[in-house]
Protein backbone atom coordinates (compact mmCIF):
# COMPACT_ATOMS: atom_id res chain seq x y z
CA MET A 1 -9.08 72.86 -34.11
CA SER A 2 -6.70 73.79 -36.97
CA SER A 3 -2.91 73.58 -36.75
CA ARG A 4 -2.57 77.31 -37.56
CA TYR A 5 -4.62 78.22 -34.48
CA ILE A 6 -2.55 75.89 -32.27
CA GLU A 7 0.74 77.23 -33.66
CA GLY A 8 -0.38 80.79 -32.88
CA VAL A 9 -1.19 79.85 -29.30
CA TYR A 10 2.19 78.11 -28.87
CA ALA A 11 4.02 81.10 -30.34
CA THR A 12 2.25 83.42 -27.90
CA LEU A 13 3.20 81.21 -24.95
CA LYS A 14 6.86 80.97 -26.07
CA LEU A 15 7.17 84.75 -26.33
CA ARG A 16 5.60 85.26 -22.91
CA VAL A 17 8.04 82.78 -21.33
CA PHE A 18 11.00 84.36 -23.15
CA PHE A 19 10.27 87.89 -21.96
CA THR A 20 9.53 86.69 -18.43
CA ILE A 21 12.97 85.04 -18.27
CA LEU A 22 14.62 88.10 -19.83
CA ASN A 23 13.05 90.48 -17.31
CA GLY A 24 14.02 88.19 -14.44
CA LEU A 25 17.62 87.99 -15.69
CA GLY A 26 17.86 91.78 -15.94
CA THR A 27 16.50 92.20 -12.42
CA ALA A 28 19.00 89.65 -11.10
CA LEU A 29 21.92 91.48 -12.73
CA VAL A 30 20.84 94.80 -11.22
CA CYS A 31 20.53 93.23 -7.76
CA LEU A 32 23.97 91.63 -8.13
CA TYR A 33 25.46 94.97 -9.09
CA LEU A 34 23.94 96.64 -6.01
CA VAL A 35 25.29 93.90 -3.73
CA LEU A 36 28.75 94.31 -5.18
CA ARG A 37 28.56 98.08 -4.70
CA GLU A 38 27.63 97.68 -1.03
CA SER A 39 30.46 95.20 -0.47
CA GLY A 40 32.93 97.87 -1.48
CA GLY A 41 31.74 100.25 1.28
CA ALA A 42 35.09 100.01 3.09
CA ARG A 43 36.70 102.16 0.42
CA ALA A 44 37.12 105.88 0.83
CA GLU A 45 33.92 107.91 0.55
CA PRO A 46 33.62 110.10 -2.54
CA PRO A 47 33.43 113.86 -2.28
CA ASP A 48 30.19 115.61 -1.48
CA GLY A 49 27.66 115.43 -4.32
CA ALA A 50 29.38 112.56 -6.19
CA ASP A 51 27.04 109.88 -4.78
CA GLY A 52 23.94 111.82 -5.85
CA GLY A 53 25.28 112.18 -9.36
CA PHE A 54 26.04 108.53 -9.58
CA SER A 55 22.50 107.68 -8.40
CA LEU A 56 20.99 109.83 -11.12
CA LEU A 57 23.24 108.22 -13.71
CA LYS A 58 22.29 104.74 -12.50
CA ALA A 59 18.55 105.54 -12.69
CA ALA A 60 18.97 106.89 -16.21
CA VAL A 61 20.80 103.73 -17.29
CA LEU A 62 18.05 101.50 -15.83
CA LEU A 63 15.32 103.49 -17.59
CA ALA A 64 17.18 103.23 -20.88
CA LEU A 65 17.59 99.47 -20.41
CA GLY A 66 13.84 99.06 -19.76
CA TYR A 67 13.00 101.12 -22.84
CA VAL A 68 15.31 98.97 -25.00
CA LEU A 69 13.67 95.78 -23.68
CA LEU A 70 10.16 97.08 -24.45
CA ARG A 71 11.20 98.08 -27.97
CA CYS A 72 12.77 94.68 -28.55
CA ARG A 73 9.63 92.96 -27.35
CA HIS A 74 7.46 95.03 -29.70
CA ALA A 75 9.78 94.30 -32.63
CA VAL A 76 9.77 90.57 -31.98
CA ARG A 77 5.95 90.53 -31.72
CA GLN A 78 5.72 92.43 -35.01
CA ARG A 79 8.05 89.91 -36.61
CA PHE A 80 6.57 86.63 -35.40
CA LEU A 81 2.91 87.26 -34.39
CA PRO A 82 0.41 88.18 -37.15
CA GLY A 83 -1.96 89.65 -34.58
CA ALA A 84 -4.41 92.50 -34.59
CA SER A 85 -1.68 94.95 -33.45
CA ARG A 86 0.06 94.70 -36.82
CA LEU A 87 -3.06 95.77 -38.62
CA GLY A 88 -3.23 99.19 -37.02
CA GLY A 89 -0.53 101.19 -38.84
CA HIS A 90 -0.43 99.65 -42.33
CA SER A 91 -3.79 98.03 -42.92
CA ALA A 92 -3.74 98.38 -46.71
CA PHE A 93 -0.49 96.44 -46.97
CA SER A 94 -0.85 93.92 -44.13
CA ARG A 95 -4.41 92.76 -44.84
CA ARG A 96 -3.32 91.44 -48.21
CA HIS A 97 -0.85 89.08 -46.58
CA LEU A 98 -2.73 88.06 -43.40
CA PRO A 99 -5.68 85.76 -44.10
CA GLU A 100 -8.82 86.11 -42.02
CA PRO A 101 -9.51 83.18 -39.65
CA GLY A 102 -11.59 80.58 -41.47
CA LEU A 103 -15.09 79.50 -40.53
CA SER A 104 -13.80 76.30 -38.95
CA ILE A 105 -11.56 78.24 -36.52
CA LEU A 106 -14.37 80.67 -35.70
CA LEU A 107 -16.85 77.83 -35.10
CA GLU A 108 -14.43 75.98 -32.84
CA SER A 109 -13.68 79.11 -30.86
CA TYR A 110 -17.35 80.03 -30.55
CA TYR A 111 -18.28 76.47 -29.54
CA GLU A 112 -15.61 76.33 -26.82
CA HIS A 113 -16.26 79.79 -25.35
CA GLU A 114 -20.01 80.34 -25.85
CA VAL A 115 -21.84 77.09 -26.69
CA ARG A 116 -20.27 74.08 -25.00
CA LEU A 117 -21.72 73.18 -21.62
CA SER A 118 -19.51 71.90 -18.83
CA PRO A 119 -20.41 68.23 -18.17
CA HIS A 120 -19.35 68.71 -14.55
CA VAL A 121 -21.77 71.59 -13.95
CA LEU A 122 -24.55 69.90 -15.93
CA GLY A 123 -24.19 66.67 -13.96
CA HIS A 124 -24.39 68.43 -10.60
CA SER A 125 -27.34 70.54 -11.76
CA LYS A 126 -29.28 67.48 -12.91
CA ALA A 127 -28.55 65.68 -9.63
CA HIS A 128 -29.77 68.70 -7.64
CA VAL A 129 -32.97 68.93 -9.71
CA SER A 130 -33.59 65.20 -9.26
CA ARG A 131 -33.33 65.46 -5.48
CA ILE A 132 -35.68 68.45 -5.18
CA VAL A 133 -38.29 67.15 -7.65
CA GLY A 134 -38.09 63.67 -6.14
CA GLU A 135 -38.93 64.97 -2.67
CA LEU A 136 -41.77 67.07 -4.06
CA VAL A 137 -43.32 64.19 -6.02
CA ARG A 138 -43.05 61.77 -3.12
CA ALA A 139 -44.74 64.28 -0.86
CA GLY A 140 -47.53 64.71 -3.41
CA ARG A 141 -48.07 60.98 -3.63
CA ALA A 142 -48.23 60.54 0.12
CA ARG A 143 -50.50 63.52 0.64
CA GLY A 144 -53.36 62.24 -1.50
CA SER A 145 -55.81 64.39 -3.38
CA PRO A 146 -58.21 66.67 -1.52
CA GLY A 147 -59.05 68.48 -4.78
CA PRO A 148 -62.41 68.48 -6.55
CA ILE A 149 -63.00 64.96 -5.21
CA PRO A 150 -62.29 64.86 -1.45
CA GLY A 151 -60.14 61.74 -1.22
CA GLY A 152 -61.43 58.32 -2.09
CA ALA A 153 -60.62 55.91 -4.89
CA LEU A 154 -61.88 58.22 -7.65
CA ALA A 155 -59.31 60.97 -7.15
CA LEU A 156 -56.27 61.77 -9.28
CA ALA A 157 -52.87 61.27 -7.65
CA PHE A 158 -49.17 61.38 -8.40
CA ARG A 159 -47.78 58.08 -9.55
CA GLY A 160 -44.69 58.70 -7.41
CA ASP A 161 -42.02 58.97 -10.09
CA PHE A 162 -40.88 61.55 -12.62
CA ILE A 163 -39.32 61.43 -16.08
CA GLN A 164 -36.55 63.81 -17.17
CA VAL A 165 -36.90 64.97 -20.77
CA GLY A 166 -35.45 67.66 -22.99
CA SER A 167 -32.05 68.71 -24.30
CA ALA A 168 -30.34 68.58 -20.89
CA TYR A 169 -30.90 64.81 -20.84
CA GLU A 170 -30.09 64.24 -24.52
CA GLN A 171 -26.60 65.79 -24.42
CA HIS A 172 -27.29 68.76 -26.69
CA LYS A 173 -28.11 71.58 -24.27
CA ILE A 174 -26.08 74.77 -24.78
CA ARG A 175 -24.65 77.55 -22.61
CA ARG A 176 -26.11 77.25 -19.07
CA PRO A 177 -27.84 74.34 -17.29
CA ASP A 178 -30.56 76.58 -15.86
CA GLY A 179 -33.68 75.14 -17.53
CA PHE A 180 -35.10 71.62 -17.28
CA ASP A 181 -38.29 69.77 -18.28
CA VAL A 182 -39.74 67.02 -16.10
CA LEU A 183 -42.82 64.87 -16.75
CA VAL A 184 -44.87 64.04 -13.63
CA PRO A 185 -47.02 60.96 -14.42
CA LEU A 186 -50.52 60.89 -12.88
CA ARG A 187 -52.32 57.84 -11.54
CA LEU A 188 -55.93 57.45 -12.63
CA PRO A 189 -58.54 55.71 -10.48
CA PRO A 190 -58.66 51.92 -10.98
CA MET A 191 -62.11 51.94 -12.58
CA VAL A 192 -61.17 54.67 -15.10
CA ALA A 193 -59.81 53.71 -18.51
CA LEU A 194 -58.97 56.00 -21.42
CA GLU A 195 -59.49 55.74 -25.17
CA PRO A 196 -57.06 58.24 -26.73
CA ARG A 197 -57.54 59.33 -30.35
CA SER A 198 -55.42 61.43 -32.69
CA LEU A 199 -56.96 64.45 -34.42
CA GLY A 200 -54.52 64.37 -37.33
CA ALA A 201 -57.12 62.99 -39.76
CA GLU A 202 -59.78 65.63 -39.03
CA PRO A 203 -60.23 67.48 -42.36
CA ALA A 204 -62.01 70.48 -40.84
CA LEU A 205 -59.38 71.04 -38.16
CA ALA A 206 -56.80 73.82 -38.47
CA PRO A 207 -53.25 72.55 -39.05
CA ALA A 208 -52.16 73.95 -35.70
CA PHE A 209 -54.37 71.42 -33.86
CA ARG A 210 -53.72 68.26 -35.91
CA ALA A 211 -50.93 67.14 -33.59
CA CYS A 212 -53.37 67.06 -30.63
CA PHE A 213 -55.19 64.12 -29.06
CA VAL A 214 -58.43 63.63 -27.15
CA CYS A 215 -59.06 61.05 -24.39
CA ALA A 216 -62.53 59.57 -24.00
CA LEU A 217 -63.48 57.64 -20.87
CA LYS A 218 -64.40 54.01 -21.39
CA ALA A 219 -65.50 51.25 -19.07
CA PRO A 220 -62.69 48.83 -18.24
CA PRO A 221 -63.32 45.14 -18.99
CA SER A 222 -65.33 43.74 -16.08
CA PRO A 223 -65.07 40.00 -15.35
CA SER A 224 -68.28 40.19 -13.34
CA GLY A 225 -70.26 41.43 -16.34
CA ALA A 226 -71.51 44.64 -14.67
CA SER A 227 -73.58 46.89 -16.89
CA GLY A 228 -72.23 50.10 -18.40
CA GLY A 229 -74.85 52.14 -16.59
CA HIS A 230 -73.56 50.89 -13.25
CA TRP A 231 -70.02 51.92 -14.21
CA LEU A 232 -71.15 55.38 -15.30
CA ARG A 233 -72.93 55.88 -12.00
CA ASP A 234 -69.89 54.85 -9.97
CA CYS A 235 -67.53 56.95 -12.11
CA LYS A 236 -69.73 60.08 -12.03
CA PRO A 237 -67.71 61.93 -9.31
CA PHE A 238 -64.50 61.63 -11.35
CA ALA A 239 -66.24 62.58 -14.61
CA ASP A 240 -67.80 65.67 -13.03
CA GLY A 241 -64.46 66.81 -11.62
CA PHE A 242 -62.09 66.16 -14.54
CA CYS A 243 -64.09 65.62 -17.75
CA VAL A 244 -66.04 67.58 -20.39
CA ASP A 245 -68.57 66.47 -22.99
CA VAL A 246 -67.34 66.05 -26.58
CA HIS A 247 -69.74 64.60 -29.14
CA GLY A 248 -71.90 63.21 -26.35
CA ARG A 249 -69.05 61.35 -24.60
CA ARG A 250 -67.09 62.22 -21.48
CA HIS A 251 -63.49 63.21 -22.28
CA LEU A 252 -60.64 63.86 -19.88
CA SER A 253 -60.06 67.62 -19.80
CA ALA A 254 -56.45 68.83 -19.99
CA ALA A 255 -57.49 72.21 -18.56
CA LEU A 256 -59.21 70.71 -15.48
CA VAL A 257 -56.34 68.27 -14.88
CA LEU A 258 -53.81 71.10 -15.15
CA ARG A 259 -55.75 73.21 -12.66
CA TRP A 260 -55.82 70.34 -10.16
CA PHE A 261 -52.12 69.63 -10.81
CA GLN A 262 -51.06 73.17 -9.98
CA SER A 263 -53.03 73.31 -6.73
CA HIS A 264 -51.74 69.87 -5.69
CA LEU A 265 -48.17 70.98 -6.36
CA GLN A 266 -48.66 74.03 -4.13
CA ARG A 267 -49.88 71.85 -1.26
CA SER A 268 -47.01 69.38 -1.75
CA LEU A 269 -44.45 72.20 -1.83
CA ALA A 270 -45.79 73.56 1.45
CA THR A 271 -45.10 70.12 2.95
CA VAL A 272 -41.44 69.92 1.92
CA ARG A 273 -40.42 73.60 1.92
CA TYR A 274 -39.20 73.53 5.51
CA SER A 275 -36.93 70.52 4.89
CA LEU A 276 -35.44 72.24 1.81
CA GLU A 277 -34.64 75.55 3.49
CA GLY A 278 -31.14 74.47 4.45
CA ARG A 279 -30.20 73.70 0.85
CA CYS A 280 -32.13 76.09 -1.37
CA ARG A 281 -35.15 78.33 -1.72
CA VAL A 282 -37.95 76.88 -3.84
CA THR A 283 -40.91 78.75 -5.31
CA LEU A 284 -43.63 77.68 -7.71
CA THR A 285 -44.97 79.87 -10.52
CA PRO A 286 -48.40 78.75 -11.79
CA GLY A 287 -48.65 78.54 -15.53
CA GLY A 288 -52.40 79.06 -15.87
CA LEU A 289 -54.24 77.21 -18.63
CA GLU A 290 -51.66 78.03 -21.33
CA GLN A 291 -48.51 76.49 -19.86
CA SER A 292 -47.32 74.14 -17.15
CA PRO A 293 -46.15 75.42 -13.74
CA THR A 294 -42.47 76.19 -13.22
CA LEU A 295 -40.46 75.30 -10.12
CA HIS A 296 -37.74 77.89 -9.38
CA ILE A 297 -34.75 76.62 -7.39
CA LEU A 298 -32.65 79.47 -5.99
CA PRO A 299 -29.22 78.67 -4.54
CA CYS A 300 -28.85 78.97 -0.81
CA ARG A 301 -26.46 76.25 0.30
CA THR A 302 -26.09 73.14 -1.81
CA ASP A 303 -23.92 70.08 -1.69
CA TYR A 304 -22.30 71.34 -4.89
CA GLY A 305 -20.53 74.55 -3.97
CA CYS A 306 -19.11 75.03 -7.47
CA CYS A 307 -22.49 74.80 -9.22
CA ARG A 308 -24.75 77.29 -7.50
CA LEU A 309 -27.11 78.24 -10.30
CA SER A 310 -30.68 79.48 -10.27
CA MET A 311 -32.69 76.84 -12.11
CA ALA A 312 -36.19 76.75 -13.58
CA VAL A 313 -37.84 73.32 -13.81
CA ARG A 314 -41.00 73.01 -15.89
CA LEU A 315 -43.27 70.38 -14.31
CA ILE A 316 -45.57 68.80 -16.91
CA PRO A 317 -48.55 66.62 -15.92
CA ALA A 318 -48.58 63.46 -18.02
CA VAL A 319 -50.97 60.55 -18.56
CA HIS A 320 -49.40 57.28 -19.65
CA VAL A 321 -51.00 55.64 -22.70
CA GLY A 322 -48.57 52.73 -23.10
CA ASP A 323 -45.00 51.85 -24.17
CA GLY A 324 -43.44 54.97 -22.69
CA VAL A 325 -45.75 57.40 -24.53
CA PHE A 326 -47.49 60.14 -22.55
CA LEU A 327 -50.21 62.64 -23.21
CA VAL A 328 -49.32 66.00 -21.67
CA ALA A 329 -51.22 69.11 -20.64
CA PRO A 330 -51.45 71.66 -22.04
CA PRO A 331 -50.80 70.85 -25.72
CA PRO A 332 -48.14 72.82 -27.58
CA PRO A 333 -49.46 76.32 -28.33
CA PRO A 334 -50.60 77.16 -31.87
CA LEU A 335 -49.77 80.41 -33.56
CA PRO A 336 -50.31 83.53 -31.41
CA GLY A 337 -53.99 84.30 -31.59
CA GLY A 338 -54.79 80.91 -33.10
CA PRO A 339 -58.43 80.67 -34.19
CA LEU A 340 -60.13 78.36 -31.73
CA SER A 341 -63.34 78.89 -33.70
CA GLU A 342 -61.96 76.59 -36.41
CA LEU A 343 -62.38 73.55 -34.17
CA PRO A 344 -64.95 71.22 -35.70
CA GLY A 345 -68.42 71.11 -34.24
CA GLY A 346 -68.63 69.76 -30.73
CA LEU A 347 -64.86 69.69 -30.13
CA ARG A 348 -63.76 71.78 -27.13
CA ALA A 349 -60.31 73.34 -26.71
CA GLU A 350 -60.03 72.31 -23.05
CA ALA A 351 -60.23 68.64 -24.09
CA LEU A 352 -57.08 68.79 -26.27
CA TRP A 353 -53.90 67.01 -25.17
CA GLY A 354 -50.38 67.02 -26.56
CA VAL A 355 -48.23 63.93 -27.06
CA ASN A 356 -44.75 63.42 -25.63
CA THR A 357 -42.49 60.79 -27.21
CA ALA A 358 -39.30 61.76 -25.37
CA ARG A 359 -38.54 58.14 -24.43
CA GLN A 360 -38.67 57.07 -28.10
CA GLU A 361 -36.53 60.04 -29.17
CA GLN A 362 -33.94 59.21 -26.51
CA LYS A 363 -33.87 55.62 -27.76
CA LEU A 364 -33.44 56.89 -31.30
CA LEU A 365 -30.49 59.08 -30.32
CA GLY A 366 -28.97 56.13 -28.44
CA TRP A 367 -29.45 53.92 -31.50
CA LEU A 368 -27.63 56.49 -33.65
CA GLN A 369 -24.82 56.82 -31.11
CA GLU A 370 -24.23 53.06 -31.11
CA ARG A 371 -23.82 53.09 -34.89
CA ALA A 372 -21.89 56.34 -35.14
CA PRO A 373 -18.21 56.20 -36.14
CA PRO A 374 -15.63 57.62 -33.71
CA GLY A 375 -15.57 61.39 -33.83
CA ALA A 376 -19.12 61.83 -35.15
CA CYS A 377 -20.23 65.45 -34.74
CA TYR A 378 -24.02 65.29 -35.19
CA LEU A 379 -24.79 66.46 -31.65
CA LYS A 380 -22.21 69.22 -31.97
CA CYS A 381 -23.89 70.30 -35.21
CA LEU A 382 -27.22 70.47 -33.40
CA GLN A 383 -25.72 72.64 -30.66
CA LEU A 384 -24.16 74.99 -33.23
CA LEU A 385 -27.46 75.13 -35.12
CA LYS A 386 -29.16 76.33 -31.93
CA ALA A 387 -26.42 78.93 -31.49
CA LEU A 388 -26.89 80.05 -35.10
CA ARG A 389 -30.60 80.50 -34.41
CA ASP A 390 -29.79 82.66 -31.39
CA LEU A 391 -27.40 84.78 -33.46
CA GLY A 392 -30.11 85.22 -36.09
CA ALA A 393 -32.48 86.65 -33.47
CA ARG A 394 -30.17 89.61 -32.77
CA GLY A 395 -31.61 92.90 -33.89
CA LEU A 396 -35.21 91.68 -34.04
CA ASP A 397 -37.99 93.31 -32.06
CA SER A 398 -39.70 91.26 -29.36
CA ALA A 399 -42.62 90.08 -31.49
CA ALA A 400 -40.39 89.04 -34.41
CA ALA A 401 -37.91 87.34 -32.06
CA THR A 402 -40.76 85.36 -30.45
CA GLN A 403 -42.02 84.25 -33.86
CA TRP A 404 -38.49 83.33 -34.93
CA GLY A 405 -38.02 81.25 -31.77
CA ARG A 406 -41.35 79.46 -32.26
CA ILE A 407 -40.60 78.49 -35.85
CA LEU A 408 -37.01 77.41 -35.14
CA SER A 409 -37.66 75.88 -31.74
CA SER A 410 -35.18 73.42 -30.28
CA TYR A 411 -37.61 70.59 -31.03
CA VAL A 412 -37.87 71.61 -34.70
CA LEU A 413 -34.08 71.75 -35.00
CA LYS A 414 -33.70 68.32 -33.37
CA THR A 415 -36.37 66.90 -35.69
CA ALA A 416 -34.52 68.29 -38.72
CA LEU A 417 -31.28 66.65 -37.57
CA LEU A 418 -32.98 63.27 -37.02
CA ALA A 419 -34.68 63.54 -40.42
CA VAL A 420 -31.33 64.11 -42.17
CA LEU A 421 -29.65 61.25 -40.31
CA LEU A 422 -32.50 58.76 -40.82
CA ARG A 423 -32.73 59.68 -44.49
CA LYS A 424 -29.13 58.51 -44.95
CA GLY A 425 -29.75 55.34 -42.96
CA SER A 426 -26.49 55.59 -41.00
CA LEU A 427 -23.86 58.06 -39.89
CA ALA A 428 -21.34 58.01 -42.70
CA GLN A 429 -17.76 59.21 -42.47
CA SER A 430 -18.93 62.58 -43.84
CA TRP A 431 -20.23 63.36 -40.32
CA ASP A 432 -16.71 63.31 -38.94
CA GLU A 433 -15.38 66.24 -36.90
CA THR A 434 -13.23 67.35 -39.83
CA HIS A 435 -16.39 67.96 -41.94
CA LEU A 436 -18.16 70.09 -39.34
CA ASN A 437 -18.72 73.03 -41.72
CA GLU A 438 -20.21 70.84 -44.45
CA CYS A 439 -22.50 69.01 -42.02
CA LEU A 440 -23.78 72.25 -40.54
CA GLU A 441 -24.38 73.68 -44.00
CA GLU A 442 -26.31 70.55 -44.97
CA LEU A 443 -28.57 70.99 -41.94
CA VAL A 444 -29.17 74.66 -42.75
CA GLN A 445 -30.03 73.88 -46.37
CA TYR A 446 -32.41 71.06 -45.41
CA LEU A 447 -34.15 73.22 -42.81
CA ARG A 448 -34.52 76.04 -45.34
CA ASP A 449 -36.09 73.62 -47.84
CA CYS A 450 -38.54 72.45 -45.17
CA LEU A 451 -39.51 76.04 -44.41
CA LEU A 452 -40.09 76.67 -48.12
CA ARG A 453 -42.23 73.49 -48.36
CA ARG A 454 -39.78 71.71 -50.65
CA HIS A 455 -39.67 68.98 -48.02
CA THR A 456 -42.13 68.11 -45.26
CA LEU A 457 -40.59 68.01 -41.80
CA PHE A 458 -42.48 65.12 -40.24
CA HIS A 459 -42.44 64.22 -36.56
CA CYS A 460 -39.64 61.66 -36.06
CA VAL A 461 -42.06 59.16 -34.44
CA LEU A 462 -45.41 60.25 -35.90
CA GLY A 463 -44.13 60.42 -39.45
CA PRO A 464 -44.72 58.15 -42.43
CA GLY A 465 -42.89 54.96 -41.56
CA GLY A 466 -41.58 56.70 -38.45
CA ALA A 467 -38.72 55.15 -36.54
CA ALA A 468 -40.64 52.25 -35.01
CA ALA A 469 -37.98 49.72 -35.99
CA GLU A 470 -35.34 51.64 -34.03
CA VAL A 471 -37.33 52.80 -30.99
CA GLY A 472 -39.28 49.62 -30.28
CA PRO A 473 -43.03 49.02 -30.13
CA LEU A 474 -45.48 51.91 -30.13
CA PRO A 475 -48.97 51.97 -28.64
CA LYS A 476 -51.87 51.47 -30.99
CA VAL A 477 -52.94 55.10 -30.78
CA LEU A 478 -49.61 56.20 -32.30
CA ARG A 479 -49.44 53.43 -34.89
CA GLU A 480 -52.84 54.51 -36.21
CA ALA A 481 -52.19 58.26 -35.94
CA ALA A 482 -51.86 60.38 -39.07
CA PRO A 483 -48.39 61.80 -39.89
CA VAL A 484 -47.67 65.10 -38.15
CA ASP A 485 -45.88 67.99 -39.86
CA VAL A 486 -44.14 69.95 -37.09
CA LEU A 487 -44.15 73.15 -39.19
CA ALA A 488 -47.78 72.95 -40.32
CA ALA A 489 -48.97 75.47 -37.72
CA PHE A 490 -47.13 78.39 -39.37
CA ASP A 491 -48.43 80.30 -42.38
CA PRO A 492 -46.39 80.39 -45.62
CA GLN A 493 -45.33 84.03 -45.26
CA ALA A 494 -43.85 83.49 -41.80
CA ARG A 495 -42.02 80.40 -43.05
CA GLU A 496 -40.58 82.25 -46.05
CA LEU A 497 -39.32 85.08 -43.86
CA ALA A 498 -37.73 82.59 -41.47
CA ALA A 499 -36.07 80.75 -44.37
CA ALA A 500 -34.66 84.00 -45.78
CA ARG A 501 -33.26 85.09 -42.42
CA LEU A 502 -31.84 81.64 -41.73
CA LEU A 503 -29.95 81.70 -45.04
CA SER A 504 -28.83 85.29 -44.42
CA THR A 505 -27.54 84.31 -40.98
CA TRP A 506 -25.56 81.43 -42.45
CA ARG A 507 -23.98 83.61 -45.14
CA ARG A 508 -22.94 86.21 -42.56
CA LEU A 509 -21.94 83.70 -39.92
CA PRO A 510 -18.18 84.52 -40.02
CA GLN A 511 -18.89 88.22 -39.45
CA LEU A 512 -21.34 87.42 -36.61
CA LEU A 513 -18.88 85.07 -34.95
CA ARG A 514 -16.09 87.65 -35.10
CA SER A 515 -18.37 90.16 -33.43
CA TYR A 516 -19.99 88.01 -30.74
CA GLY A 517 -17.90 84.92 -30.16
CA GLY A 518 -14.56 83.60 -29.08
CA PRO A 519 -11.42 85.34 -27.79
CA ARG A 520 -10.64 88.83 -28.92
CA TYR A 521 -7.48 87.93 -30.86
CA LEU A 522 -9.67 86.19 -33.47
CA ALA A 523 -11.48 89.45 -34.25
CA ARG A 524 -10.41 91.17 -37.44
CA SER A 525 -13.14 93.82 -37.41
CA PRO A 526 -14.38 96.27 -34.77
CA PRO A 527 -17.51 95.30 -32.82
CA PRO A 528 -20.84 96.67 -34.09
CA ARG A 529 -22.06 99.97 -32.67
CA SER A 530 -25.81 99.59 -33.13
CA GLN A 531 -28.56 97.07 -33.74
CA HIS A 532 -28.50 97.87 -37.47
CA THR A 533 -24.87 96.79 -37.87
CA GLN A 534 -25.14 93.31 -36.32
CA GLY A 535 -24.38 91.50 -39.54
CA PHE A 536 -27.74 92.07 -41.27
CA PRO A 537 -28.37 94.90 -43.74
CA GLU A 538 -31.50 96.89 -43.05
CA GLY A 539 -33.22 95.70 -46.23
CA GLU A 540 -32.94 91.99 -45.42
CA PRO A 541 -35.24 89.97 -43.13
């Protein structure tokens, strides 16, 4: 925070203390005068009407003294504080001598008041989520699986643990800790093995689906030398309940697994709801076949009285494929109305899985933190970039705002940051707190170039070369996977519009911050009165 901002705050505090002391001293003098007047009561009483006149005179003197003090206070503020009050009467003269607050001051103020998340509240929220989800998962593991397969060794089940992923666990969440993502690993039957395969190299596949995977069933190695036909016969109940045919082979279906997962969560929640009633109210919203279910935790009485927030926890079914990599259901959605007919022959949409490399990304962020110089601001830049995206969505209709949020999702912004940092090889001194504006501008320019196809924004793990040296070993299915462009699902026109609005938001960022962020004494312009005056001219995207 700049020295000018700090000096202004100190000057304000000094003036407040000065006038508080002055008012107290005046009150003390008046009280002393009244005490002295009463002590002289033994003297002769004045004639009738003299006391009333003196009381009126005394009241007039006190009013005059208060008026003089108020005028002195106003004059001193006009002399020493270049605040917004001085701009009212002589704007043409004063604005030439009073500089507007710079972008660095506005960013710091906006970050402190609107973006930064309290570590205390975030820590308590994460602990509360861990306790509730832990009880739910343990109940699901103990309950077993009476789903499509009534019990037995060929049923799906919870593995018994859960994995916390997302921005809340990577130290770059903004505003409120009211949304969390949790992976719930599933345990497959002992005789079931998977053969995952990336679809990135399929030439006939639409770009929106090239980041997906499919999982074929395969017979595990048998030391007894049992035939494959015997294994298929024994595995038939599981294949009928959770698999579909793709190119003549049985593949694990993300849609069928997600359907079982949601029903099993409902049964597990019914088991633990009574024990949770004293702390909170918990409800489960099914996500259907397009998204994972969401656990809503409503505050009732928690162990953390200062952090009673309503939280939404997205529970994602995950299948472990090795080295901390999971396939998740459902896969990330393509563009709205994505053409499923473009899937190559024989490939079915319900067999598609997404990939989650949150463990590798957390290791990569930890690797960067270990090598970062003191005062590095890369995570702060990422938080401000998310806030800039939210400011850019103001004034858009619902459809345009949804498209804007899909293109500039939090995952895309994090991938852009990692790409910039890995391209440099290390966090140089240029990423110091004092260069916050320049670092943020570099991120905006790089993201704009990626949207305009001047650069390709590859997945930080599934990219060419990737980050395998920093995140440790990867399973074979990821080492052999084709590079994934995280922006490939969006058409060129949508990307160009997003790039234009991103650049327009950056150019008008000071005006937007004065209107929507920070304390009011930083504002040098009146707040906007309509959606069309929110920092964006009507002719711009």
